[in-house]
Amino acid sequence: MITGTTRLYAIIGDPIAHVRTPMAFNDWFASRKIDAVCLPIHIGRDDLPRGWAGLKSMVNLDGFIVTAPHKGEARQLCDAVEGDGVHTGVVNTVRREKNGRFVGTLLDGRGFVRGLQNEGHKVEGRRFYLAGAGGAGTALAYALAGSGAAALTLHNRTRAKAEKLAAGVKAAFPACDVRLGSANASGHDVAVNATSLGLEPTDGHSFDLGSVDRDALVAEVVMKPDMTPLLIAAKARGHKIHFGIHMLNSQLALMMQFLGLEPTREGA
C-alpha cells in the first residue's frame, strides 16, 4: 500500500512504455517489505533540464534509473559521478544524497556482462561485434573490454561516435583489439544490438544478420519485447540468442547497492 511515508524511485526516458524496471523494482520492494515504489516518468527528449529540476524538487524521491535518450545529458546534470560513469560520460543510475546532491553511475555494462556469464556465455577471450555507440553501446564497450574480451568491433550509424568510443576504449584497455566495423558482423563469437532498434515490430536490424557466423551468439539490449525482430530472425537462422532482460535482472542487485537499499558485497 502506498502511504504518505512511501519512498519514491523512478525510471526516466523517452519513450517509456517499454521499460521493465518498475516491475523489477516493485517486486524487489514487495519481497523485502520495503515501503517504496518505482514509477515510470516520461521526460521528452529535449526536456531533461526542466524535468531534472522537477526531480530535484521531489524530496521523497531517493533515486532513479535513466534510460535512452537521457544517459549522456544526465551525466552532465549530476552533481557527482562515480564508477563507470566517469570514463564513459553516461550514467544510468542516480541516487539522492542526504544533502540533496544527485550522484550518478553507470551499471548497464556490468549488468550485461554478468547477464552473459549467468547464462553460461564466456566473455574473456571472445570476439564481440557491437552495433551502437550511444549510452548502452558505450557502457557495453567499456565493460566487455574491461572483462577480458579479446576483440571488440564497433559499428554505429554515425561513424564519428564509433571512432570516439573506440579511441576511449583502446586507451582504457589496450589489451583488447578494438576496431571500427561496418554492418558486416562476420568473424565474431557474439553479435550484440546495443541500439534502440527492436522496440517496434517493424524495426529493422542494426547490422546484417546474414553476415553473422552460424555458431555465433546473437544478443540484445532491448528488454521489451523479449523476442525482438532481431532475435526472432536470429533464432530462425539457428543462432543461440540472449535476451535484453538479462541485463536488467543481472544489474538489479548492483542498482540496489548503489541506491543504498542493499549492502554492497565485496567484489560487486
C-alpha atoms as a PDB file:
ATOM      1  CA  MET A   1       0.000   0.000   0.000  1.00  0.00           C
ATOM      2  CA  ILE A   2       1.274   3.466  -0.921  1.00  0.00           C
ATOM      3  CA  THR A   3       1.111   5.860   2.017  1.00  0.00           C
ATOM      4  CA  GLY A   4       2.452   9.286   2.927  1.00  0.00           C
ATOM      5  CA  THR A   5       5.707   7.684   4.074  1.00  0.00           C
ATOM      6  CA  THR A   6       6.353   5.661   0.896  1.00  0.00           C
ATOM      7  CA  ARG A   7       9.725   6.492  -0.658  1.00  0.00           C
ATOM      8  CA  LEU A   8       9.778   7.131  -4.394  1.00  0.00           C
ATOM      9  CA  TYR A   9      12.042   5.746  -7.100  1.00  0.00           C
ATOM     10  CA  ALA A  10      11.631   6.176 -10.847  1.00  0.00           C
ATOM     11  CA  ILE A  11      12.900   5.478 -14.329  1.00  0.00           C
ATOM     12  CA  ILE A  12      13.068   8.352 -16.811  1.00  0.00           C
ATOM     13  CA  GLY A  13      13.230   8.107 -20.594  1.00  0.00           C
ATOM     14  CA  ASP A  14      11.607   8.798 -23.956  1.00  0.00           C
ATOM     15  CA  PRO A  15       9.823   6.562 -24.887  1.00  0.00           C
ATOM     16  CA  ILE A  16       8.975   4.913 -21.581  1.00  0.00           C
ATOM     17  CA  ALA A  17       6.193   2.371 -22.256  1.00  0.00           C
ATOM     18  CA  HIS A  18       8.629  -0.470 -22.968  1.00  0.00           C
ATOM     19  CA  VAL A  19      10.594  -0.363 -19.704  1.00  0.00           C
ATOM     20  CA  ARG A  20      10.700  -3.289 -17.275  1.00  0.00           C
ATOM     21  CA  THR A  21      12.421  -1.530 -14.373  1.00  0.00           C
ATOM     22  CA  PRO A  22       9.257  -0.641 -12.400  1.00  0.00           C
ATOM     23  CA  MET A  23       8.143  -4.274 -12.320  1.00  0.00           C
ATOM     24  CA  ALA A  24      11.593  -5.482 -11.251  1.00  0.00           C
ATOM     25  CA  PHE A  25      11.978  -2.807  -8.574  1.00  0.00           C
ATOM     26  CA  ASN A  26       8.457  -3.171  -7.182  1.00  0.00           C
ATOM     27  CA  ASP A  27       8.763  -6.966  -6.978  1.00  0.00           C
ATOM     28  CA  TRP A  28      12.054  -6.465  -5.125  1.00  0.00           C
ATOM     29  CA  PHE A  29      10.471  -3.960  -2.714  1.00  0.00           C
ATOM     30  CA  ALA A  30       7.485  -6.234  -2.058  1.00  0.00           C
ATOM     31  CA  SER A  31       9.627  -9.311  -1.401  1.00  0.00           C
ATOM     32  CA  ARG A  32      11.568  -7.387   1.247  1.00  0.00           C
ATOM     33  CA  LYS A  33       8.596  -5.457   2.659  1.00  0.00           C
ATOM     34  CA  ILE A  34      10.229  -2.115   1.826  1.00  0.00           C
ATOM     35  CA  ASP A  35       7.888   0.894   1.854  1.00  0.00           C
ATOM     36  CA  ALA A  36       8.864   2.174  -1.593  1.00  0.00           C
ATOM     37  CA  VAL A  37       7.535   2.299  -5.144  1.00  0.00           C
ATOM     38  CA  CYS A  38       9.134   2.739  -8.571  1.00  0.00           C
ATOM     39  CA  LEU A  39       7.285   4.676 -11.271  1.00  0.00           C
ATOM     40  CA  PRO A  40       7.910   5.350 -14.985  1.00  0.00           C
ATOM     41  CA  ILE A  41       8.347   9.066 -15.759  1.00  0.00           C
ATOM     42  CA  HIS A  42       8.192  10.176 -19.383  1.00  0.00           C
ATOM     43  CA  ILE A  43      10.533  13.134 -19.930  1.00  0.00           C
ATOM     44  CA  GLY A  44      10.766  14.284 -23.540  1.00  0.00           C
ATOM     45  CA  ARG A  45      13.997  14.079 -25.495  1.00  0.00           C
ATOM     46  CA  ASP A  46      14.671  17.822 -25.293  1.00  0.00           C
ATOM     47  CA  ASP A  47      13.154  18.407 -21.866  1.00  0.00           C
ATOM     48  CA  LEU A  48      15.614  16.822 -19.449  1.00  0.00           C
ATOM     49  CA  PRO A  49      16.935  20.026 -17.781  1.00  0.00           C
ATOM     50  CA  ARG A  50      13.384  21.056 -16.894  1.00  0.00           C
ATOM     51  CA  GLY A  51      12.497  17.514 -15.812  1.00  0.00           C
ATOM     52  CA  TRP A  52      15.698  17.290 -13.754  1.00  0.00           C
ATOM     53  CA  ALA A  53      14.717  20.371 -11.788  1.00  0.00           C
ATOM     54  CA  GLY A  54      11.388  18.728 -11.056  1.00  0.00           C
ATOM     55  CA  LEU A  55      13.089  15.556  -9.833  1.00  0.00           C
ATOM     56  CA  LYS A  56      15.358  17.611  -7.589  1.00  0.00           C
ATOM     57  CA  SER A  57      12.345  19.281  -6.023  1.00  0.00           C
ATOM     58  CA  MET A  58      10.771  15.941  -5.006  1.00  0.00           C
ATOM     59  CA  VAL A  59      12.336  15.482  -1.566  1.00  0.00           C
ATOM     60  CA  ASN A  60      10.851  11.992  -1.121  1.00  0.00           C
ATOM     61  CA  LEU A  61      12.427  10.806  -4.393  1.00  0.00           C
ATOM     62  CA  ASP A  62      15.517   8.838  -3.316  1.00  0.00           C
ATOM     63  CA  GLY A  63      16.836   7.805  -6.726  1.00  0.00           C
ATOM     64  CA  PHE A  64      16.041   6.918 -10.306  1.00  0.00           C
ATOM     65  CA  ILE A  65      17.151   4.940 -13.338  1.00  0.00           C
ATOM     66  CA  VAL A  66      17.990   6.716 -16.588  1.00  0.00           C
ATOM     67  CA  THR A  67      17.301   5.195 -19.997  1.00  0.00           C
ATOM     68  CA  ALA A  68      17.550   6.453 -23.589  1.00  0.00           C
ATOM     69  CA  PRO A  69      17.962   9.162 -24.707  1.00  0.00           C
ATOM     70  CA  HIS A  70      18.968  10.853 -21.449  1.00  0.00           C
ATOM     71  CA  LYS A  71      22.065   8.967 -20.241  1.00  0.00           C
ATOM     72  CA  GLY A  72      24.633  11.396 -21.622  1.00  0.00           C
ATOM     73  CA  GLU A  73      22.873  14.578 -20.579  1.00  0.00           C
ATOM     74  CA  ALA A  74      22.078  13.117 -17.155  1.00  0.00           C
ATOM     75  CA  ARG A  75      25.788  12.628 -16.553  1.00  0.00           C
ATOM     76  CA  GLN A  76      26.318  16.345 -17.162  1.00  0.00           C
ATOM     77  CA  LEU A  77      23.490  17.293 -14.810  1.00  0.00           C
ATOM     78  CA  CYS A  78      24.667  15.101 -11.912  1.00  0.00           C
ATOM     79  CA  ASP A  79      26.403  16.847  -9.010  1.00  0.00           C
ATOM     80  CA  ALA A  80      28.945  13.996  -8.900  1.00  0.00           C
ATOM     81  CA  VAL A  81      29.696  10.821 -10.881  1.00  0.00           C
ATOM     82  CA  GLU A  82      31.247   7.542  -9.744  1.00  0.00           C
ATOM     83  CA  GLY A  83      32.444   4.251 -11.244  1.00  0.00           C
ATOM     84  CA  ASP A  84      31.993   3.544 -14.946  1.00  0.00           C
ATOM     85  CA  GLY A  85      30.154   6.838 -15.382  1.00  0.00           C
ATOM     86  CA  VAL A  86      33.432   8.712 -15.016  1.00  0.00           C
ATOM     87  CA  HIS A  87      35.165   7.464 -18.173  1.00  0.00           C
ATOM     88  CA  THR A  88      32.085   6.621 -20.268  1.00  0.00           C
ATOM     89  CA  GLY A  89      30.439  10.026 -19.947  1.00  0.00           C
ATOM     90  CA  VAL A  90      26.982   8.490 -19.344  1.00  0.00           C
ATOM     91  CA  VAL A  91      25.000   7.363 -16.293  1.00  0.00           C
ATOM     92  CA  ASN A  92      22.016   5.077 -15.822  1.00  0.00           C
ATOM     93  CA  THR A  93      21.537   5.136 -12.038  1.00  0.00           C
ATOM     94  CA  VAL A  94      21.240   8.230  -9.843  1.00  0.00           C
ATOM     95  CA  ARG A  95      20.831   8.459  -6.067  1.00  0.00           C
ATOM     96  CA  ARG A  96      19.977  11.404  -3.862  1.00  0.00           C
ATOM     97  CA  GLU A  97      22.436  12.067  -1.052  1.00  0.00           C
ATOM     98  CA  LYS A  98      21.275  13.309   2.342  1.00  0.00           C
ATOM     99  CA  ASN A  99      22.342  16.818   1.348  1.00  0.00           C
ATOM    100  CA  GLY A 100      20.192  16.671  -1.796  1.00  0.00           C
ATOM    101  CA  ARG A 101      23.053  16.145  -4.284  1.00  0.00           C
ATOM    102  CA  PHE A 102      22.431  13.787  -7.205  1.00  0.00           C
ATOM    103  CA  VAL A 103      25.238  11.232  -7.663  1.00  0.00           C
ATOM    104  CA  GLY A 104      25.268   9.065 -10.781  1.00  0.00           C
ATOM    105  CA  THR A 105      26.970   5.939 -12.034  1.00  0.00           C
ATOM    106  CA  LEU A 106      26.719   3.520 -14.956  1.00  0.00           C
ATOM    107  CA  LEU A 107      25.769  -0.122 -14.372  1.00  0.00           C
ATOM    108  CA  ASP A 108      24.462  -1.224 -17.801  1.00  0.00           C
ATOM    109  CA  GLY A 109      27.752  -2.685 -18.949  1.00  0.00           C
ATOM    110  CA  ARG A 110      28.477  -4.572 -15.754  1.00  0.00           C
ATOM    111  CA  GLY A 111      24.907  -5.894 -15.799  1.00  0.00           C
ATOM    112  CA  PHE A 112      25.234  -7.046 -19.417  1.00  0.00           C
ATOM    113  CA  VAL A 113      28.499  -8.864 -18.725  1.00  0.00           C
ATOM    114  CA  ARG A 114      27.100 -10.508 -15.612  1.00  0.00           C
ATOM    115  CA  GLY A 115      23.981 -11.480 -17.575  1.00  0.00           C
ATOM    116  CA  LEU A 116      26.081 -13.250 -20.207  1.00  0.00           C
ATOM    117  CA  GLN A 117      28.057 -15.062 -17.530  1.00  0.00           C
ATOM    118  CA  ASN A 118      24.926 -16.061 -15.623  1.00  0.00           C
ATOM    119  CA  GLU A 119      23.586 -17.648 -18.816  1.00  0.00           C
ATOM    120  CA  GLY A 120      26.792 -19.605 -19.317  1.00  0.00           C
ATOM    121  CA  HIS A 121      28.381 -17.402 -22.003  1.00  0.00           C
ATOM    122  CA  LYS A 122      32.074 -16.670 -21.556  1.00  0.00           C
ATOM    123  CA  VAL A 123      33.345 -13.112 -22.108  1.00  0.00           C
ATOM    124  CA  GLU A 124      37.073 -13.466 -21.598  1.00  0.00           C
ATOM    125  CA  GLY A 125      38.988 -14.239 -24.775  1.00  0.00           C
ATOM    126  CA  ARG A 126      35.993 -13.938 -27.113  1.00  0.00           C
ATOM    127  CA  ARG A 127      35.423 -11.666 -30.121  1.00  0.00           C
ATOM    128  CA  PHE A 128      32.483  -9.276 -29.868  1.00  0.00           C
ATOM    129  CA  TYR A 129      30.681  -7.272 -32.544  1.00  0.00           C
ATOM    130  CA  LEU A 130      28.768  -4.317 -31.080  1.00  0.00           C
ATOM    131  CA  ALA A 131      26.248  -2.214 -33.014  1.00  0.00           C
ATOM    132  CA  GLY A 132      25.551   1.117 -31.333  1.00  0.00           C
ATOM    133  CA  ALA A 133      27.763   3.781 -29.768  1.00  0.00           C
ATOM    134  CA  GLY A 134      25.161   5.599 -27.686  1.00  0.00           C
ATOM    135  CA  GLY A 135      24.592   5.205 -23.965  1.00  0.00           C
ATOM    136  CA  ALA A 136      24.086   1.435 -23.968  1.00  0.00           C
ATOM    137  CA  GLY A 137      26.805   0.809 -26.540  1.00  0.00           C
ATOM    138  CA  THR A 138      29.298   2.902 -24.590  1.00  0.00           C
ATOM    139  CA  ALA A 139      28.538   1.023 -21.372  1.00  0.00           C
ATOM    140  CA  LEU A 140      28.874  -2.372 -23.042  1.00  0.00           C
ATOM    141  CA  ALA A 141      32.067  -1.471 -24.907  1.00  0.00           C
ATOM    142  CA  TYR A 142      33.955  -0.490 -21.752  1.00  0.00           C
ATOM    143  CA  ALA A 143      32.557  -3.388 -19.718  1.00  0.00           C
ATOM    144  CA  LEU A 144      33.322  -6.037 -22.344  1.00  0.00           C
ATOM    145  CA  ALA A 145      36.864  -4.772 -22.895  1.00  0.00           C
ATOM    146  CA  GLY A 146      37.376  -4.475 -19.153  1.00  0.00           C
ATOM    147  CA  SER A 147      36.138  -8.034 -18.617  1.00  0.00           C
ATOM    148  CA  GLY A 148      38.748  -9.575 -20.894  1.00  0.00           C
ATOM    149  CA  ALA A 149      37.156  -9.646 -24.357  1.00  0.00           C
ATOM    150  CA  ALA A 150      39.879 -10.424 -26.884  1.00  0.00           C
ATOM    151  CA  ALA A 151      38.457  -8.219 -29.633  1.00  0.00           C
ATOM    152  CA  LEU A 152      35.713  -5.645 -29.999  1.00  0.00           C
ATOM    153  CA  THR A 153      34.374  -4.327 -33.308  1.00  0.00           C
ATOM    154  CA  LEU A 154      32.245  -1.175 -33.103  1.00  0.00           C
ATOM    155  CA  HIS A 155      29.666  -0.134 -35.667  1.00  0.00           C
ATOM    156  CA  ASN A 156      27.438   2.934 -35.466  1.00  0.00           C
ATOM    157  CA  ARG A 157      25.243   4.804 -37.908  1.00  0.00           C
ATOM    158  CA  THR A 158      27.217   7.979 -37.102  1.00  0.00           C
ATOM    159  CA  ARG A 159      30.801   6.860 -37.630  1.00  0.00           C
ATOM    160  CA  ALA A 160      32.300   9.749 -35.655  1.00  0.00           C
ATOM    161  CA  LYS A 161      30.645   8.468 -32.467  1.00  0.00           C
ATOM    162  CA  ALA A 162      32.088   4.995 -33.025  1.00  0.00           C
ATOM    163  CA  GLU A 163      35.534   6.494 -33.650  1.00  0.00           C
ATOM    164  CA  LYS A 164      35.394   8.462 -30.403  1.00  0.00           C
ATOM    165  CA  LEU A 165      34.234   5.428 -28.439  1.00  0.00           C
ATOM    166  CA  ALA A 166      36.906   3.187 -29.965  1.00  0.00           C
ATOM    167  CA  ALA A 167      39.640   5.657 -29.035  1.00  0.00           C
ATOM    168  CA  GLY A 168      38.424   5.818 -25.442  1.00  0.00           C
ATOM    169  CA  VAL A 169      38.143   2.057 -25.010  1.00  0.00           C
ATOM    170  CA  LYS A 170      41.575   1.486 -26.594  1.00  0.00           C
ATOM    171  CA  ALA A 171      43.144   3.963 -24.197  1.00  0.00           C
ATOM    172  CA  ALA A 172      41.455   2.396 -21.166  1.00  0.00           C
ATOM    173  CA  PHE A 173      42.005  -1.257 -22.154  1.00  0.00           C
ATOM    174  CA  PRO A 174      44.970  -1.581 -24.554  1.00  0.00           C
ATOM    175  CA  ALA A 175      44.953  -5.396 -24.300  1.00  0.00           C
ATOM    176  CA  CYS A 176      41.640  -5.528 -26.182  1.00  0.00           C
ATOM    177  CA  ASP A 177      41.794  -5.357 -30.001  1.00  0.00           C
ATOM    178  CA  VAL A 178      39.320  -2.530 -30.627  1.00  0.00           C
ATOM    179  CA  ARG A 179      38.469  -1.572 -34.198  1.00  0.00           C
ATOM    180  CA  LEU A 180      35.783   0.067 -36.294  1.00  0.00           C
ATOM    181  CA  GLY A 181      33.493  -2.050 -38.434  1.00  0.00           C
ATOM    182  CA  SER A 182      30.603  -1.949 -40.857  1.00  0.00           C
ATOM    183  CA  ALA A 183      27.206  -3.645 -40.853  1.00  0.00           C
ATOM    184  CA  ASN A 184      29.057  -6.877 -41.661  1.00  0.00           C
ATOM    185  CA  ALA A 185      29.317  -8.803 -38.385  1.00  0.00           C
ATOM    186  CA  SER A 186      31.211 -11.859 -39.624  1.00  0.00           C
ATOM    187  CA  GLY A 187      34.202 -13.256 -37.769  1.00  0.00           C
ATOM    188  CA  HIS A 188      32.858 -12.777 -34.239  1.00  0.00           C
ATOM    189  CA  ASP A 189      31.736 -15.066 -31.437  1.00  0.00           C
ATOM    190  CA  VAL A 190      28.981 -12.733 -30.236  1.00  0.00           C
ATOM    191  CA  ALA A 191      26.975 -10.093 -32.143  1.00  0.00           C
ATOM    192  CA  VAL A 192      25.174  -7.525 -29.999  1.00  0.00           C
ATOM    193  CA  ASN A 193      22.495  -4.970 -30.787  1.00  0.00           C
ATOM    194  CA  ALA A 194      23.069  -2.018 -28.448  1.00  0.00           C
ATOM    195  CA  THR A 195      20.709   0.371 -30.258  1.00  0.00           C
ATOM    196  CA  SER A 196      17.013   1.080 -29.671  1.00  0.00           C
ATOM    197  CA  LEU A 197      16.053  -0.803 -32.828  1.00  0.00           C
ATOM    198  CA  GLY A 198      13.732  -3.606 -31.824  1.00  0.00           C
ATOM    199  CA  LEU A 199      11.218  -1.717 -29.734  1.00  0.00           C
ATOM    200  CA  GLU A 200       8.729  -1.886 -32.602  1.00  0.00           C
ATOM    201  CA  PRO A 201       7.799  -4.998 -34.618  1.00  0.00           C
ATOM    202  CA  THR A 202       8.537  -3.164 -37.861  1.00  0.00           C
ATOM    203  CA  ASP A 203      12.075  -2.174 -36.839  1.00  0.00           C
ATOM    204  CA  GLY A 204      14.956  -3.337 -38.966  1.00  0.00           C
ATOM    205  CA  HIS A 205      18.276  -4.666 -37.703  1.00  0.00           C
ATOM    206  CA  SER A 206      21.289  -2.630 -36.628  1.00  0.00           C
ATOM    207  CA  PHE A 207      23.623  -4.953 -38.533  1.00  0.00           C
ATOM    208  CA  ASP A 208      23.491  -7.516 -41.336  1.00  0.00           C
ATOM    209  CA  LEU A 209      22.254 -10.677 -39.614  1.00  0.00           C
ATOM    210  CA  GLY A 210      23.023 -12.698 -42.716  1.00  0.00           C
ATOM    211  CA  SER A 211      26.734 -11.971 -42.234  1.00  0.00           C
ATOM    212  CA  VAL A 212      26.867 -13.382 -38.684  1.00  0.00           C
ATOM    213  CA  ASP A 213      28.727 -16.683 -38.284  1.00  0.00           C
ATOM    214  CA  ARG A 214      26.252 -19.536 -37.812  1.00  0.00           C
ATOM    215  CA  ASP A 215      27.719 -20.589 -34.458  1.00  0.00           C
ATOM    216  CA  ALA A 216      27.750 -17.043 -33.052  1.00  0.00           C
ATOM    217  CA  LEU A 217      25.528 -15.878 -30.205  1.00  0.00           C
ATOM    218  CA  VAL A 218      23.140 -13.018 -31.057  1.00  0.00           C
ATOM    219  CA  ALA A 219      22.402 -10.745 -28.094  1.00  0.00           C
ATOM    220  CA  GLU A 220      20.042  -7.848 -27.381  1.00  0.00           C
ATOM    221  CA  VAL A 221      19.856  -4.894 -25.011  1.00  0.00           C
ATOM    222  CA  VAL A 222      16.199  -4.143 -25.852  1.00  0.00           C
ATOM    223  CA  MET A 223      14.137  -5.576 -22.998  1.00  0.00           C
ATOM    224  CA  LYS A 224      10.611  -5.388 -24.347  1.00  0.00           C
ATOM    225  CA  PRO A 225       9.515  -7.241 -26.318  1.00  0.00           C
ATOM    226  CA  ASP A 226      11.547 -10.267 -25.225  1.00  0.00           C
ATOM    227  CA  MET A 227      11.641 -11.513 -28.809  1.00  0.00           C
ATOM    228  CA  THR A 228      12.692  -8.510 -30.862  1.00  0.00           C
ATOM    229  CA  PRO A 229      12.709  -8.683 -34.675  1.00  0.00           C
ATOM    230  CA  LEU A 230      16.455  -9.376 -34.483  1.00  0.00           C
ATOM    231  CA  LEU A 231      16.104 -12.274 -32.052  1.00  0.00           C
ATOM    232  CA  ILE A 232      13.168 -13.748 -33.989  1.00  0.00           C
ATOM    233  CA  ALA A 233      15.227 -13.722 -37.178  1.00  0.00           C
ATOM    234  CA  ALA A 234      18.359 -14.979 -35.412  1.00  0.00           C
ATOM    235  CA  LYS A 235      16.505 -17.904 -33.852  1.00  0.00           C
ATOM    236  CA  ALA A 236      15.050 -18.770 -37.249  1.00  0.00           C
ATOM    237  CA  ARG A 237      18.614 -18.926 -38.622  1.00  0.00           C
ATOM    238  CA  GLY A 238      19.585 -21.344 -35.863  1.00  0.00           C
ATOM    239  CA  HIS A 239      21.575 -18.958 -33.662  1.00  0.00           C
ATOM    240  CA  LYS A 240      21.680 -19.120 -29.905  1.00  0.00           C
ATOM    241  CA  ILE A 241      20.060 -15.925 -28.601  1.00  0.00           C
ATOM    242  CA  HIS A 242      20.419 -13.803 -25.473  1.00  0.00           C
ATOM    243  CA  PHE A 243      17.546 -11.636 -24.191  1.00  0.00           C
ATOM    244  CA  GLY A 244      17.857  -7.988 -23.206  1.00  0.00           C
ATOM    245  CA  ILE A 245      16.067  -8.602 -19.908  1.00  0.00           C
ATOM    246  CA  HIS A 246      19.138 -10.478 -18.627  1.00  0.00           C
ATOM    247  CA  MET A 247      20.993  -7.152 -18.461  1.00  0.00           C
ATOM    248  CA  LEU A 248      18.386  -5.662 -16.117  1.00  0.00           C
ATOM    249  CA  ASN A 249      17.980  -8.785 -13.981  1.00  0.00           C
ATOM    250  CA  SER A 250      21.729  -9.083 -13.559  1.00  0.00           C
ATOM    251  CA  GLN A 251      22.286  -5.460 -12.613  1.00  0.00           C
ATOM    252  CA  LEU A 252      19.308  -5.189 -10.259  1.00  0.00           C
ATOM    253  CA  ALA A 253      21.417  -6.038  -7.200  1.00  0.00           C
ATOM    254  CA  LEU A 254      24.079  -3.565  -8.379  1.00  0.00           C
ATOM    255  CA  MET A 255      21.440  -0.833  -8.649  1.00  0.00           C
ATOM    256  CA  MET A 256      20.071  -1.566  -5.185  1.00  0.00           C
ATOM    257  CA  GLN A 257      23.560  -1.462  -3.706  1.00  0.00           C
ATOM    258  CA  PHE A 258      24.293   1.905  -5.328  1.00  0.00           C
ATOM    259  CA  LEU A 259      20.943   3.291  -4.154  1.00  0.00           C
ATOM    260  CA  GLY A 260      21.726   2.194  -0.607  1.00  0.00           C
ATOM    261  CA  LEU A 261      18.932  -0.381  -0.452  1.00  0.00           C
ATOM    262  CA  GLU A 262      21.184  -3.429  -0.181  1.00  0.00           C
ATOM    263  CA  PRO A 263      24.613  -3.895   1.429  1.00  0.00           C
ATOM    264  CA  THR A 264      27.479  -3.785  -1.036  1.00  0.00           C
ATOM    265  CA  ARG A 265      29.070  -7.182  -1.476  1.00  0.00           C
ATOM    266  CA  GLU A 266      32.834  -7.378  -1.660  1.00  0.00           C
ATOM    267  CA  GLY A 267      33.919  -7.535  -5.310  1.00  0.00           C
ATOM    268  CA  ALA A 268      30.489  -6.468  -6.605  1.00  0.00           C
END
